[in-house]
């Protein structure tokens, strides 16, 4: 843990700042295999500073972390030149690697200006707001007729794909992809099949409206088995979609939730695992936020899930 300092966030006094914790370490510690050398129990909370570079301007934040728990508790008014310099040191960053460890300059500034008896006006608590998600206009009810005149049967098997094969597949089916096929279009015929599911009558697939929270690929398969054991929505054959099946949901224009997806799907699963590994290594995902397929190294196999089944 290193040095001990206090920080007051609203009425809360925090004295367990972990200077060694970084965004890169959090998945293995709190989401995947548990990091029991650091975490004594599931109710424990640790706090660390990080630079959030997801918006137009980077900002310094304080994160509260626990097992399956993550919450930004405060934003800190740090000098912008310090925060920008920290970002510049990162070099080229992937879409899903925009949360950075603080550097020594930011740590020194925090100790000298904010922590203990520092300037509390620089600390702005972040209050969580519970918002009921708008699930879009009501769709026509599924009439259980499985096909339409333009019905297609997409590949559903688990497979291994190279970069070139993924690009070829996207073009073959004319899926929209912001990078690979920006002129593509795949038309769905979505119907309401229940409060928690939708059916695309064109592909004959039933989909979760929501899905599975971010987790490791190993935990994802365990959660799929649990849903099937419980017969989610009355069925026991739910699975990860193939890359083709997931890409079939991609829409060329983002909805009001910021996703290239029909609004009847939840925004809580912005990028999802598919049943395809990458050769020579990694896992394939479909990213509805940025409108593309992408892959991630097998050492960082964290993703969301939106399951499907053939009707």
Protein backbone atom coordinates (compact mmCIF):
# COMPACT_ATOMS: atom_id res chain seq x y z
CA UNK A 1 0.00 0.00 0.00
CA UNK A 2 2.83 2.45 0.71
CA UNK A 3 2.04 5.85 2.21
CA UNK A 4 -1.14 6.57 4.17
CA UNK A 5 -3.10 9.77 3.59
CA UNK A 6 -6.61 11.03 4.29
CA UNK A 7 -9.01 12.52 1.79
CA UNK A 8 -12.42 13.98 2.59
CA UNK A 9 -15.07 13.45 -0.09
CA UNK A 10 -18.25 15.17 1.05
CA UNK A 11 -18.92 13.73 4.51
CA UNK A 12 -16.79 10.62 3.88
CA UNK A 13 -13.20 10.41 5.08
CA UNK A 14 -11.11 7.99 3.02
CA UNK A 15 -7.86 6.71 4.48
CA UNK A 16 -7.21 3.60 2.37
CA UNK A 17 -5.76 5.01 -0.85
CA UNK A 18 -3.79 2.35 -2.72
CA UNK A 19 -0.96 4.03 -4.63
CA UNK A 20 0.01 0.76 -6.31
CA UNK A 21 -3.40 -0.04 -7.80
CA UNK A 22 -3.91 0.91 -11.46
CA UNK A 23 -6.74 0.45 -13.97
CA UNK A 24 -4.71 -2.31 -15.66
CA UNK A 25 -4.59 -4.34 -12.45
CA UNK A 26 -8.25 -4.03 -11.50
CA UNK A 27 -9.70 -6.70 -13.79
CA UNK A 28 -7.48 -9.47 -12.48
CA UNK A 29 -7.92 -8.26 -8.90
CA UNK A 30 -11.65 -7.67 -8.76
CA UNK A 31 -13.36 -9.28 -11.75
CA UNK A 32 -11.45 -12.36 -12.86
CA UNK A 33 -9.55 -14.54 -10.43
CA UNK A 34 -10.14 -12.42 -7.36
CA UNK A 35 -6.66 -11.15 -6.40
CA UNK A 36 -6.87 -12.63 -2.94
CA UNK A 37 -3.41 -11.38 -2.05
CA UNK A 38 -4.97 -7.89 -2.05
CA UNK A 39 -8.66 -8.51 -1.34
CA UNK A 40 -9.58 -10.08 1.99
CA UNK A 41 -13.36 -10.22 1.51
CA UNK A 42 -16.04 -9.27 -1.00
CA UNK A 43 -17.18 -6.29 1.06
CA UNK A 44 -13.78 -4.64 1.17
CA UNK A 45 -13.29 -1.34 -0.69
CA UNK A 46 -10.04 0.24 -1.84
CA UNK A 47 -9.50 3.64 -3.44
CA UNK A 48 -7.06 4.77 -6.10
CA UNK A 49 -6.56 7.77 -8.35
CA UNK A 50 -6.56 7.44 -12.13
CA UNK A 51 -6.77 9.59 -15.25
CA UNK A 52 -10.02 9.24 -17.21
CA UNK A 53 -9.39 10.02 -20.90
CA UNK A 54 -12.76 8.90 -22.29
CA UNK A 55 -14.20 12.38 -22.81
CA UNK A 56 -13.08 15.45 -24.71
CA UNK A 57 -10.73 16.47 -21.89
CA UNK A 58 -8.85 14.12 -19.54
CA UNK A 59 -9.68 14.37 -15.85
CA UNK A 60 -8.29 13.11 -12.58
CA UNK A 61 -10.69 10.84 -10.66
CA UNK A 62 -10.87 8.80 -7.47
CA UNK A 63 -12.20 5.25 -7.89
CA UNK A 64 -13.84 3.06 -5.24
CA UNK A 65 -13.22 -0.60 -6.10
CA UNK A 66 -14.28 -3.96 -4.70
CA UNK A 67 -15.15 -7.43 -5.96
CA UNK A 68 -17.70 -6.85 -8.77
CA UNK A 69 -17.94 -3.22 -7.67
CA UNK A 70 -16.65 -0.04 -9.31
CA UNK A 71 -17.72 3.54 -8.62
CA UNK A 72 -16.10 6.90 -9.30
CA UNK A 73 -16.53 8.80 -6.05
CA UNK A 74 -14.86 12.11 -6.90
CA UNK A 75 -13.31 14.25 -9.61
CA UNK A 76 -10.25 16.30 -8.69
CA UNK A 77 -9.47 19.75 -10.12
CA UNK A 78 -5.86 19.01 -11.03
CA UNK A 79 -3.85 21.35 -13.27
CA UNK A 80 -4.68 20.40 -16.85
CA UNK A 81 -1.06 20.44 -17.95
CA UNK A 82 -0.26 17.69 -15.41
CA UNK A 83 -3.17 15.53 -16.53
CA UNK A 84 -2.44 16.03 -20.25
CA UNK A 85 1.23 15.25 -19.74
CA UNK A 86 0.23 11.97 -18.08
CA UNK A 87 -1.93 11.10 -21.10
CA UNK A 88 0.85 11.95 -23.55
CA UNK A 89 3.16 9.50 -21.82
CA UNK A 90 0.78 6.65 -22.67
CA UNK A 91 1.50 6.74 -26.42
CA UNK A 92 -1.07 5.23 -28.78
CA UNK A 93 -4.09 3.90 -26.86
CA UNK A 94 -6.75 1.41 -27.90
CA UNK A 95 -10.45 2.27 -27.57
CA UNK A 96 -10.77 0.27 -24.37
CA UNK A 97 -7.54 1.41 -22.74
CA UNK A 98 -8.29 5.04 -21.91
CA UNK A 99 -8.09 4.87 -18.13
CA UNK A 100 -4.51 5.43 -17.00
CA UNK A 101 -2.44 5.13 -13.85
CA UNK A 102 -1.34 8.46 -12.45
CA UNK A 103 2.34 9.38 -12.75
CA UNK A 104 4.74 10.68 -10.08
CA UNK A 105 4.01 14.33 -10.89
CA UNK A 106 0.28 13.92 -10.23
CA UNK A 107 0.93 11.91 -7.08
CA UNK A 108 3.21 14.63 -5.70
CA UNK A 109 0.65 17.31 -6.57
CA UNK A 110 -2.10 15.37 -4.76
CA UNK A 111 0.01 14.96 -1.63
CA UNK A 112 1.06 18.61 -1.59
CA UNK A 113 -2.26 20.20 -2.48
CA UNK A 114 -5.25 17.93 -1.81
CA UNK A 115 -4.67 15.13 0.70
CA UNK A 116 -4.74 15.44 4.49
CA UNK A 117 -5.22 19.16 5.21
CA UNK A 118 -5.18 20.20 1.56
CA UNK A 119 -7.67 22.28 -0.42
CA UNK A 120 -11.02 20.47 -0.22
CA UNK A 121 -12.55 22.81 -2.81
CA UNK A 122 -10.58 20.85 -5.43
CA UNK A 123 -12.49 17.65 -4.59
CA UNK A 124 -15.92 17.26 -6.23
CA UNK A 125 -18.02 14.26 -5.10
CA UNK A 126 -19.73 12.29 -7.84
CA UNK A 127 -23.24 11.25 -6.89
CA UNK A 128 -24.79 8.22 -8.55
CA UNK A 129 -28.17 8.73 -10.17
CA UNK A 130 -30.57 5.88 -10.68
CA UNK A 131 -32.03 6.23 -14.16
CA UNK A 132 -34.62 3.89 -15.63
CA UNK A 133 -33.46 3.10 -19.13
CA UNK A 134 -35.77 3.91 -22.03
CA UNK A 135 -36.08 0.66 -23.98
CA UNK A 136 -37.40 2.33 -27.12
CA UNK A 137 -40.80 2.33 -28.83
CA UNK A 138 -42.85 -0.81 -28.45
CA UNK A 139 -42.21 -3.33 -31.22
CA UNK A 140 -44.87 -5.52 -32.88
CA UNK A 141 -45.54 -8.69 -30.93
CA UNK A 142 -43.81 -11.85 -32.17
CA UNK A 143 -46.36 -14.06 -33.89
CA UNK A 144 -44.10 -17.14 -33.72
CA UNK A 145 -43.86 -17.41 -37.49
CA UNK A 146 -40.13 -18.07 -37.80
CA UNK A 147 -39.38 -16.88 -41.34
CA UNK A 148 -39.84 -13.95 -43.74
CA UNK A 149 -39.31 -13.63 -47.49
CA UNK A 150 -35.72 -12.43 -46.99
CA UNK A 151 -34.84 -14.87 -44.18
CA UNK A 152 -31.19 -15.88 -43.81
CA UNK A 153 -29.45 -18.48 -41.68
CA UNK A 154 -26.24 -17.03 -40.31
CA UNK A 155 -23.27 -19.22 -39.28
CA UNK A 156 -23.59 -20.04 -35.59
CA UNK A 157 -20.63 -22.26 -34.81
CA UNK A 158 -17.72 -21.33 -32.58
CA UNK A 159 -14.66 -20.73 -34.71
CA UNK A 160 -11.24 -19.13 -35.08
CA UNK A 161 -10.88 -16.19 -37.46
CA UNK A 162 -8.00 -14.12 -38.79
CA UNK A 163 -8.23 -10.37 -39.37
CA UNK A 164 -8.64 -10.93 -43.11
CA UNK A 165 -11.38 -13.52 -42.58
CA UNK A 166 -13.35 -11.15 -40.34
CA UNK A 167 -13.12 -8.36 -42.90
CA UNK A 168 -14.20 -10.75 -45.66
CA UNK A 169 -17.15 -11.99 -43.56
CA UNK A 170 -18.36 -8.46 -42.85
CA UNK A 171 -18.31 -7.60 -46.55
CA UNK A 172 -19.86 -10.94 -47.57
CA UNK A 173 -22.96 -10.35 -45.44
CA UNK A 174 -22.91 -6.57 -46.02
CA UNK A 175 -22.83 -5.81 -42.30
CA UNK A 176 -22.24 -2.18 -41.43
CA UNK A 177 -18.80 -1.61 -39.87
CA UNK A 178 -17.41 1.90 -39.43
CA UNK A 179 -13.94 0.80 -40.54
CA UNK A 180 -14.36 -2.26 -42.76
CA UNK A 181 -17.69 -1.63 -44.54
CA UNK A 182 -19.07 1.89 -43.91
CA UNK A 183 -21.55 1.54 -46.79
CA UNK A 184 -22.97 -1.76 -45.51
CA UNK A 185 -26.52 -2.40 -44.31
CA UNK A 186 -28.22 -5.48 -42.88
CA UNK A 187 -31.97 -5.18 -42.32
CA UNK A 188 -33.54 -6.80 -39.23
CA UNK A 189 -37.17 -7.66 -38.56
CA UNK A 190 -37.28 -7.27 -34.78
CA UNK A 191 -40.34 -8.32 -32.79
CA UNK A 192 -41.22 -8.16 -29.10
CA UNK A 193 -41.02 -11.69 -27.70
CA UNK A 194 -41.29 -10.78 -24.03
CA UNK A 195 -40.10 -8.27 -21.47
CA UNK A 196 -36.56 -9.66 -21.56
CA UNK A 197 -36.18 -10.86 -25.14
CA UNK A 198 -36.51 -9.80 -28.78
CA UNK A 199 -36.79 -11.91 -31.91
CA UNK A 200 -35.27 -11.06 -35.28
CA UNK A 201 -37.56 -12.88 -37.70
CA UNK A 202 -35.08 -12.38 -40.53
CA UNK A 203 -32.33 -14.43 -38.86
CA UNK A 204 -34.57 -16.60 -36.69
CA UNK A 205 -32.68 -15.52 -33.57
CA UNK A 206 -34.05 -14.67 -30.14
CA UNK A 207 -31.90 -12.16 -28.24
CA UNK A 208 -31.56 -10.91 -24.70
CA UNK A 209 -32.70 -7.30 -24.47
CA UNK A 210 -30.08 -6.78 -21.79
CA UNK A 211 -27.28 -9.25 -21.10
CA UNK A 212 -24.36 -10.16 -18.88
CA UNK A 213 -22.15 -7.64 -17.09
CA UNK A 214 -18.45 -7.36 -17.87
CA UNK A 215 -16.53 -10.45 -16.84
CA UNK A 216 -13.79 -12.83 -17.94
CA UNK A 217 -14.44 -15.35 -20.71
CA UNK A 218 -14.28 -18.19 -18.17
CA UNK A 219 -16.86 -16.53 -15.92
CA UNK A 220 -18.98 -15.73 -18.98
CA UNK A 221 -19.34 -19.42 -19.86
CA UNK A 222 -20.22 -20.19 -16.23
CA UNK A 223 -22.94 -17.54 -16.25
CA UNK A 224 -24.35 -18.88 -19.52
CA UNK A 225 -24.62 -22.33 -17.93
CA UNK A 226 -26.38 -20.80 -14.92
CA UNK A 227 -28.92 -19.01 -17.14
CA UNK A 228 -29.60 -22.22 -19.04
CA UNK A 229 -30.00 -24.19 -15.81
CA UNK A 230 -32.59 -21.60 -14.70
CA UNK A 231 -34.27 -21.64 -18.14
CA UNK A 232 -33.96 -17.91 -18.77
CA UNK A 233 -37.16 -16.66 -20.49
CA UNK A 234 -38.31 -20.30 -20.60
CA UNK A 235 -35.40 -21.71 -22.66
CA UNK A 236 -32.21 -23.63 -21.92
CA UNK A 237 -30.20 -23.24 -25.15
CA UNK A 238 -28.78 -19.72 -24.77
CA UNK A 239 -25.26 -19.18 -26.13
CA UNK A 240 -22.78 -16.56 -27.25
CA UNK A 241 -23.55 -15.30 -30.76
CA UNK A 242 -21.19 -15.94 -33.64
CA UNK A 243 -19.42 -12.90 -35.04
CA UNK A 244 -21.93 -12.90 -37.94
CA UNK A 245 -24.92 -13.07 -35.60
CA UNK A 246 -23.66 -10.22 -33.42
CA UNK A 247 -22.75 -8.06 -36.42
CA UNK A 248 -26.26 -8.56 -37.82
CA UNK A 249 -27.55 -6.25 -35.04
CA UNK A 250 -25.20 -3.40 -35.99
CA UNK A 251 -26.93 -0.25 -37.23
CA UNK A 252 -25.22 2.48 -39.24
CA UNK A 253 -26.55 5.37 -37.16
CA UNK A 254 -26.08 5.59 -33.37
CA UNK A 255 -29.25 5.71 -31.31
CA UNK A 256 -29.97 8.21 -28.53
CA UNK A 257 -28.05 5.92 -26.15
CA UNK A 258 -24.91 6.34 -28.26
CA UNK A 259 -24.92 2.77 -29.60
CA UNK A 260 -25.20 1.45 -33.15
CA UNK A 261 -28.06 -0.75 -32.04
CA UNK A 262 -31.85 -0.80 -31.95
CA UNK A 263 -33.08 1.18 -28.93
CA UNK A 264 -35.03 -1.83 -27.63
CA UNK A 265 -31.68 -3.29 -26.56
CA UNK A 266 -30.03 -2.08 -23.35
CA UNK A 267 -27.11 0.34 -23.42
CA UNK A 268 -25.42 -1.58 -20.58
CA UNK A 269 -23.62 -3.98 -22.96
CA UNK A 270 -21.67 -1.66 -25.31
CA UNK A 271 -19.25 -4.33 -26.56
CA UNK A 272 -19.84 -8.07 -26.41
CA UNK A 273 -17.96 -11.35 -26.62
CA UNK A 274 -18.65 -13.47 -29.68
CA UNK A 275 -18.03 -17.19 -30.18
CA UNK A 276 -14.82 -16.61 -32.11
CA UNK A 277 -11.19 -16.52 -31.15
CA UNK A 278 -8.59 -14.72 -33.20
CA UNK A 279 -5.68 -16.31 -34.97
CA UNK A 280 -2.83 -15.92 -34.12
CA UNK A 281 -4.24 -14.99 -30.69
CA UNK A 282 -6.92 -13.09 -28.78
CA UNK A 283 -10.70 -12.85 -28.67
CA UNK A 284 -13.11 -11.22 -31.10
CA UNK A 285 -15.73 -8.72 -29.91
CA UNK A 286 -18.44 -6.63 -31.51
CA UNK A 287 -18.39 -3.00 -30.38
CA UNK A 288 -21.75 -1.24 -30.69
CA UNK A 289 -20.38 2.01 -29.25
CA UNK A 290 -17.82 2.61 -31.98
CA UNK A 291 -19.56 0.53 -34.61
CA UNK A 292 -16.98 -2.10 -35.44
CA UNK A 293 -15.56 -5.52 -34.75
CA UNK A 294 -12.31 -5.65 -32.80
CA UNK A 295 -10.10 -8.07 -30.95
CA UNK A 296 -8.40 -8.00 -27.59
CA UNK A 297 -5.41 -9.86 -26.27
CA UNK A 298 -6.12 -13.09 -24.43
CA UNK A 299 -4.41 -11.57 -21.38
CA UNK A 300 -7.29 -9.04 -21.02
CA UNK A 301 -10.36 -11.15 -21.84
CA UNK A 302 -12.97 -8.90 -20.24
CA UNK A 303 -16.24 -8.27 -22.02
CA UNK A 304 -20.02 -8.09 -21.81
CA UNK A 305 -22.44 -10.70 -23.07
CA UNK A 306 -25.67 -10.57 -25.07
CA UNK A 307 -26.88 -14.12 -25.61
CA UNK A 308 -28.99 -15.54 -28.38
CA UNK A 309 -30.73 -18.76 -29.38
CA UNK A 310 -32.26 -20.10 -32.59
CA UNK A 311 -36.07 -20.11 -32.53
